[in-house]
Amino acid sequence: MKKNSLSKHINSHEQVSQSQLKSKNAGRLFLVSTPIGNLGDISARAIETLKTCDFVLAEDTRIGKKLLSAFGISKPVYRADEEATEKIIPQIIDALEKGRDIALISDAGTPCVSDPGQRVSSAIIDAGFEIYPIPGASSVLAGLVASGIDAKQFAFLGFIPNKQKARQDFFNNYKSMPLTLIMFETGPRLLASLGDMFEVMGNRKIAVTRELTKLYEEKQRGLLADIVTHYQEKGAPKGEIVIIIEGAQVSQNNYDDAQIVDLIKESLKTQSVKDLSNEIAKLTGRKSRDIYEMAIKIKNA
């Protein structure tokens, strides 16, 4: 993207009055989910939003332009990758103040999930604007439902660290959680990650899914030891990889305080203290009042 090209695009439009800025005519930021492989998975609403917005922010402009071209859409596309987002956020806010509608897309799937778009959406919310998600494809959910592993409760952990010590610490942090765990990995690092995962977490059920919805879609399911052997024999796979592994098998009344603290911290992200206290009490056999008191201390810490 040429320097200041986004700001030039914004300023090239007719200026709106101050009264309009304070009205419902303020611009909107749409988080548009795009296909993770098969173009047929895009929604009608996503196409309509891309057609009607003023411009598009893309993690990679080449991929963004290719997607728009596939659906006959001609629209300005600007960089919103890790390097560019912080620099262009003031320009995005300026565009919204002037009534522009903006579509934010990632390279594939739902934006703001382990990609730079999250920085943009947070800044826009902090600036007082609303964001509008356009739901659609997600490799996280696609991998989960294709894994055959319990999907009632799960946690997405993002990308596995690339250094061995950090990777083992990462697995240690989550090995006691009784939730299905989902994470991303690259082909060249897959075998090393699976080996450390086996060493730290033990021989659990696992599914390694790659190239979901694409021509060479593949799913390897089984016990972790068997999957490690498979990739030792076959070599590193290519493409986008989503790993799904079953949670820790912890019997009721066998939870120690540290495990309960972990459960409370994770549950506080999505639940009220009252709701999580009842659920964790049922799961662990502890009194809900005790869980409630622990949750209050953790929340107020």
Protein backbone atom coordinates (compact mmCIF):
# COMPACT_ATOMS: atom_id res chain seq x y z
CA MET A 1 0.00 0.00 0.00
CA LYS A 2 1.38 3.39 -0.91
CA LYS A 3 1.97 5.73 1.99
CA ASN A 4 -1.17 7.67 2.97
CA SER A 5 -3.23 5.97 0.22
CA LEU A 6 -5.94 5.07 2.72
CA SER A 7 -6.12 8.62 4.08
CA LYS A 8 -6.27 10.00 0.53
CA HIS A 9 -9.19 7.67 -0.20
CA ILE A 10 -11.01 8.88 2.89
CA ASN A 11 -10.43 12.57 2.19
CA SER A 12 -11.39 12.25 -1.46
CA HIS A 13 -15.04 11.85 -0.43
CA GLU A 14 -17.27 14.81 0.23
CA GLN A 15 -16.90 16.00 3.80
CA VAL A 16 -19.86 15.41 6.09
CA SER A 17 -21.14 17.93 8.60
CA GLN A 18 -20.55 17.72 12.35
CA SER A 19 -24.25 17.08 12.91
CA GLN A 20 -24.11 14.09 10.59
CA LEU A 21 -21.11 12.68 12.47
CA LYS A 22 -23.18 12.61 15.64
CA SER A 23 -26.14 10.95 13.94
CA LYS A 24 -26.83 7.37 12.99
CA ASN A 25 -24.96 8.04 9.75
CA ALA A 26 -21.60 7.24 11.34
CA GLY A 27 -19.75 4.53 9.48
CA ARG A 28 -19.74 0.86 10.41
CA LEU A 29 -16.95 -1.69 10.65
CA PHE A 30 -18.02 -5.13 9.41
CA LEU A 31 -15.98 -8.21 10.35
CA VAL A 32 -16.64 -10.34 7.28
CA SER A 33 -16.00 -14.09 7.44
CA THR A 34 -14.56 -15.47 4.21
CA PRO A 35 -14.08 -19.06 2.98
CA ILE A 36 -11.28 -21.13 4.53
CA GLY A 37 -10.89 -22.96 1.22
CA ASN A 38 -14.02 -23.69 -0.77
CA LEU A 39 -15.34 -20.45 -2.27
CA GLY A 40 -18.86 -21.85 -2.14
CA ASP A 41 -18.84 -21.43 1.64
CA ILE A 42 -19.12 -17.64 1.51
CA SER A 43 -22.50 -16.31 2.63
CA ALA A 44 -24.86 -14.13 0.62
CA ARG A 45 -24.63 -11.50 3.37
CA ALA A 46 -20.82 -11.49 3.18
CA ILE A 47 -20.95 -10.88 -0.58
CA GLU A 48 -23.50 -8.10 -0.19
CA THR A 49 -21.40 -6.43 2.53
CA LEU A 50 -18.25 -6.55 0.40
CA LYS A 51 -20.19 -5.06 -2.52
CA THR A 52 -21.70 -2.18 -0.56
CA CYS A 53 -18.84 -1.15 1.74
CA ASP A 54 -16.63 1.82 0.82
CA PHE A 55 -13.39 -0.14 1.07
CA VAL A 56 -11.87 -3.36 2.41
CA LEU A 57 -9.12 -3.95 4.97
CA ALA A 58 -7.24 -7.20 4.35
CA GLU A 59 -4.49 -9.09 6.13
CA ASP A 60 -2.92 -9.67 2.70
CA THR A 61 -4.11 -7.37 -0.08
CA ARG A 62 -3.23 -9.91 -2.77
CA ILE A 63 -5.47 -12.55 -1.20
CA GLY A 64 -8.18 -9.97 -0.54
CA LYS A 65 -8.21 -8.74 -4.14
CA LYS A 66 -8.28 -12.30 -5.44
CA LEU A 67 -11.33 -13.07 -3.29
CA LEU A 68 -13.17 -9.95 -4.43
CA SER A 69 -12.34 -10.71 -8.05
CA ALA A 70 -13.79 -14.22 -7.70
CA PHE A 71 -17.17 -12.66 -6.92
CA GLY A 72 -16.94 -9.83 -9.45
CA ILE A 73 -16.40 -7.15 -6.83
CA SER A 74 -14.24 -4.10 -7.54
CA LYS A 75 -13.31 -2.26 -4.37
CA PRO A 76 -10.23 -0.54 -2.86
CA VAL A 77 -8.29 -2.95 -0.64
CA TYR A 78 -5.82 -1.73 1.99
CA ARG A 79 -3.28 -3.51 4.19
CA ALA A 80 -4.28 -4.44 7.72
CA ASP A 81 -1.54 -6.90 8.63
CA GLU A 82 0.47 -7.04 11.87
CA GLU A 83 2.77 -4.23 10.75
CA ALA A 84 0.18 -1.90 9.24
CA THR A 85 -2.74 -2.05 11.69
CA GLU A 86 -1.37 0.26 14.36
CA LYS A 87 -0.46 2.90 11.76
CA ILE A 88 -3.83 2.92 9.99
CA ILE A 89 -6.15 2.75 13.02
CA PRO A 90 -6.41 6.60 13.21
CA GLN A 91 -7.32 6.64 9.51
CA ILE A 92 -9.96 3.95 10.05
CA ILE A 93 -11.49 5.98 12.89
CA ASP A 94 -11.44 9.06 10.65
CA ALA A 95 -13.24 7.13 7.92
CA LEU A 96 -15.93 5.94 10.34
CA GLU A 97 -16.43 9.48 11.61
CA LYS A 98 -17.02 10.55 8.01
CA GLY A 99 -19.69 7.90 7.51
CA ARG A 100 -17.67 5.31 5.57
CA ASP A 101 -18.60 1.64 5.85
CA ILE A 102 -15.57 -0.66 6.08
CA ALA A 103 -15.22 -4.43 5.67
CA LEU A 104 -12.39 -6.16 7.52
CA ILE A 105 -11.33 -9.62 6.28
CA SER A 106 -8.57 -12.05 7.22
CA ASP A 107 -6.73 -14.30 4.79
CA ALA A 108 -9.33 -17.02 5.46
CA GLY A 109 -12.19 -17.65 7.86
CA THR A 110 -13.47 -15.41 10.63
CA PRO A 111 -11.38 -12.27 11.21
CA CYS A 112 -9.94 -11.32 14.62
CA VAL A 113 -9.25 -14.96 15.57
CA SER A 114 -5.46 -15.12 16.03
CA ASP A 115 -4.92 -12.40 13.43
CA PRO A 116 -4.16 -8.65 13.42
CA GLY A 117 -7.81 -7.69 12.92
CA GLN A 118 -8.37 -8.06 16.65
CA ARG A 119 -6.25 -4.96 17.26
CA VAL A 120 -8.41 -3.00 14.84
CA SER A 121 -11.73 -4.13 16.33
CA SER A 122 -10.58 -3.35 19.90
CA ALA A 123 -9.43 0.13 18.91
CA ILE A 124 -12.71 0.83 17.11
CA ILE A 125 -14.76 -0.23 20.13
CA ASP A 126 -12.57 1.91 22.41
CA ALA A 127 -13.17 4.86 20.08
CA GLY A 128 -16.92 4.52 20.64
CA PHE A 129 -17.96 2.85 17.39
CA GLU A 130 -19.87 -0.40 16.97
CA ILE A 131 -18.61 -3.41 15.02
CA TYR A 132 -20.81 -5.85 13.12
CA PRO A 133 -19.80 -9.50 12.67
CA ILE A 134 -20.82 -11.25 9.45
CA PRO A 135 -20.67 -14.92 10.51
CA GLY A 136 -19.31 -17.63 8.28
CA ALA A 137 -16.53 -20.15 7.85
CA SER A 138 -14.17 -20.88 10.75
CA SER A 139 -11.39 -23.46 10.73
CA VAL A 140 -11.68 -23.69 14.52
CA LEU A 141 -15.27 -24.90 14.46
CA ALA A 142 -14.83 -26.90 11.24
CA GLY A 143 -11.96 -28.83 12.80
CA LEU A 144 -13.84 -29.35 16.06
CA VAL A 145 -17.00 -30.80 14.55
CA ALA A 146 -14.98 -32.99 12.17
CA SER A 147 -12.79 -34.37 14.96
CA GLY A 148 -15.35 -36.65 16.58
CA ILE A 149 -14.14 -35.39 19.98
CA ASP A 150 -16.58 -34.04 22.58
CA ALA A 151 -17.71 -30.53 21.60
CA LYS A 152 -19.90 -29.62 24.60
CA GLN A 153 -17.10 -27.61 26.20
CA PHE A 154 -13.95 -26.50 24.42
CA ALA A 155 -11.19 -23.89 24.48
CA PHE A 156 -9.32 -22.35 21.55
CA LEU A 157 -5.63 -21.80 22.38
CA GLY A 158 -4.39 -20.17 19.17
CA PHE A 159 -0.97 -20.97 17.71
CA ILE A 160 1.39 -23.32 19.55
CA PRO A 161 4.69 -21.60 20.47
CA ASN A 162 7.58 -22.46 18.16
CA LYS A 163 10.35 -22.93 20.78
CA GLN A 164 10.45 -26.21 22.70
CA LYS A 165 10.61 -24.76 26.23
CA ALA A 166 7.78 -22.32 25.53
CA ARG A 167 5.82 -25.11 23.83
CA GLN A 168 6.14 -27.47 26.82
CA ASP A 169 5.17 -24.68 29.22
CA PHE A 170 2.18 -23.98 26.98
CA PHE A 171 1.00 -27.60 27.17
CA ASN A 172 1.62 -27.73 30.92
CA ASN A 173 -0.64 -24.71 31.40
CA TYR A 174 -3.59 -26.53 29.85
CA LYS A 175 -2.97 -30.23 30.53
CA SER A 176 -5.34 -30.34 33.54
CA MET A 177 -8.28 -28.65 31.84
CA PRO A 178 -11.23 -31.03 31.33
CA LEU A 179 -12.15 -29.26 28.08
CA THR A 180 -11.51 -30.20 24.47
CA LEU A 181 -8.55 -28.10 23.33
CA ILE A 182 -8.15 -26.60 19.84
CA MET A 183 -4.95 -25.07 18.49
CA PHE A 184 -3.17 -24.10 15.27
CA GLU A 185 0.16 -25.43 14.03
CA THR A 186 2.27 -25.35 10.87
CA GLY A 187 3.38 -28.42 8.91
CA PRO A 188 7.15 -28.14 9.56
CA ARG A 189 6.64 -27.89 13.34
CA LEU A 190 3.78 -30.40 13.65
CA LEU A 191 5.79 -33.50 14.62
CA ALA A 192 7.84 -31.66 17.25
CA SER A 193 4.65 -30.22 18.76
CA LEU A 194 2.91 -33.60 18.82
CA GLY A 195 5.94 -35.14 20.52
CA ASP A 196 5.99 -32.50 23.26
CA MET A 197 2.22 -32.77 23.58
CA PHE A 198 2.51 -36.53 24.18
CA GLU A 199 5.27 -36.02 26.74
CA VAL A 200 3.29 -33.43 28.71
CA MET A 201 -0.35 -34.47 28.22
CA GLY A 202 -0.11 -38.22 27.75
CA ASN A 203 -1.82 -40.51 25.26
CA ARG A 204 -5.18 -38.85 24.61
CA LYS A 205 -7.62 -38.87 21.71
CA ILE A 206 -6.61 -36.38 19.06
CA ALA A 207 -7.54 -35.23 15.58
CA VAL A 208 -5.14 -33.44 13.23
CA THR A 209 -7.10 -31.73 10.46
CA ARG A 210 -5.55 -29.88 7.53
CA GLU A 211 -6.64 -28.08 4.37
CA LEU A 212 -10.26 -28.12 5.56
CA THR A 213 -12.83 -27.68 2.74
CA LYS A 214 -10.02 -27.78 0.15
CA LEU A 215 -9.13 -30.39 -2.49
CA TYR A 216 -6.62 -32.21 -0.27
CA GLU A 217 -8.62 -32.08 2.96
CA GLU A 218 -7.28 -34.60 5.45
CA LYS A 219 -8.23 -35.73 8.95
CA GLN A 220 -6.07 -38.02 11.09
CA ARG A 221 -7.90 -39.31 14.17
CA GLY A 222 -6.78 -41.65 16.94
CA LEU A 223 -4.59 -41.78 20.04
CA LEU A 224 -1.77 -39.27 20.19
CA ALA A 225 0.97 -41.94 20.14
CA ASP A 226 -0.44 -43.41 16.93
CA ILE A 227 -0.68 -39.99 15.27
CA VAL A 228 2.95 -39.26 16.18
CA THR A 229 3.96 -42.57 14.55
CA HIS A 230 1.92 -41.72 11.46
CA TYR A 231 3.74 -38.43 10.86
CA GLN A 232 7.11 -39.98 11.68
CA GLU A 233 6.50 -42.38 8.81
CA LYS A 234 4.76 -39.99 6.39
CA GLY A 235 6.73 -36.81 7.06
CA ALA A 236 5.53 -33.26 7.63
CA PRO A 237 2.22 -32.37 5.98
CA LYS A 238 1.54 -29.12 4.11
CA GLY A 239 -1.25 -26.61 4.48
CA GLU A 240 -3.26 -25.08 7.32
CA ILE A 241 -3.44 -27.37 10.36
CA VAL A 242 -5.95 -27.43 13.22
CA ILE A 243 -5.30 -29.79 16.14
CA ILE A 244 -8.11 -30.96 18.42
CA ILE A 245 -7.25 -32.95 21.56
CA GLU A 246 -9.55 -34.24 24.28
CA GLY A 247 -9.45 -32.64 27.71
CA ALA A 248 -8.04 -34.10 30.91
CA GLN A 249 -9.99 -36.99 32.34
CA VAL A 250 -10.46 -35.95 35.97
CA SER A 251 -12.86 -37.87 38.19
CA GLN A 252 -15.38 -36.02 40.32
CA ASN A 253 -14.07 -35.05 43.78
CA ASN A 254 -10.52 -35.48 42.44
CA TYR A 255 -9.95 -31.82 41.60
CA ASP A 256 -7.30 -30.01 43.61
CA ASP A 257 -7.48 -26.29 44.35
CA ALA A 258 -5.09 -25.38 41.53
CA GLN A 259 -7.29 -27.15 38.97
CA ILE A 260 -10.40 -25.44 40.32
CA VAL A 261 -8.66 -22.05 40.10
CA ASP A 262 -7.85 -22.80 36.44
CA LEU A 263 -11.50 -23.70 35.80
CA ILE A 264 -12.71 -20.50 37.47
CA LYS A 265 -10.30 -18.29 35.51
CA GLU A 266 -11.36 -19.81 32.20
CA SER A 267 -15.08 -19.67 33.06
CA LEU A 268 -14.89 -16.02 34.15
CA LYS A 269 -14.20 -15.10 30.52
CA THR A 270 -17.74 -16.05 29.50
CA GLN A 271 -19.88 -16.62 32.61
CA SER A 272 -21.10 -14.80 35.68
CA VAL A 273 -19.72 -15.79 39.08
CA LYS A 274 -23.06 -17.29 40.06
CA ASP A 275 -23.40 -19.43 36.91
CA LEU A 276 -19.85 -20.74 36.94
CA SER A 277 -20.09 -21.52 40.66
CA ASN A 278 -23.05 -23.83 40.08
CA GLU A 279 -21.46 -25.54 37.07
CA ILE A 280 -18.04 -26.07 38.64
CA ALA A 281 -19.66 -27.31 41.85
CA LYS A 282 -21.52 -29.99 39.88
CA LEU A 283 -18.37 -30.94 38.00
CA THR A 284 -16.04 -31.16 41.00
CA GLY A 285 -18.33 -32.12 43.85
CA ARG A 286 -17.33 -29.00 45.80
CA LYS A 287 -19.89 -26.73 47.45
CA SER A 288 -21.09 -23.96 45.14
CA ARG A 289 -20.68 -21.44 47.99
CA ASP A 290 -16.97 -22.31 48.25
CA ILE A 291 -16.55 -21.99 44.48
CA TYR A 292 -18.40 -18.67 44.58
CA GLU A 293 -16.06 -17.27 47.24
CA MET A 294 -12.99 -18.41 45.30
CA ALA A 295 -14.37 -16.85 42.10
CA ILE A 296 -15.02 -13.51 43.80
CA LYS A 297 -11.44 -13.37 45.10
CA ILE A 298 -10.01 -14.23 41.69
CA LYS A 299 -12.26 -11.72 39.91
CA ASN A 300 -11.33 -8.91 42.31
CA ALA A 301 -7.63 -9.74 42.43
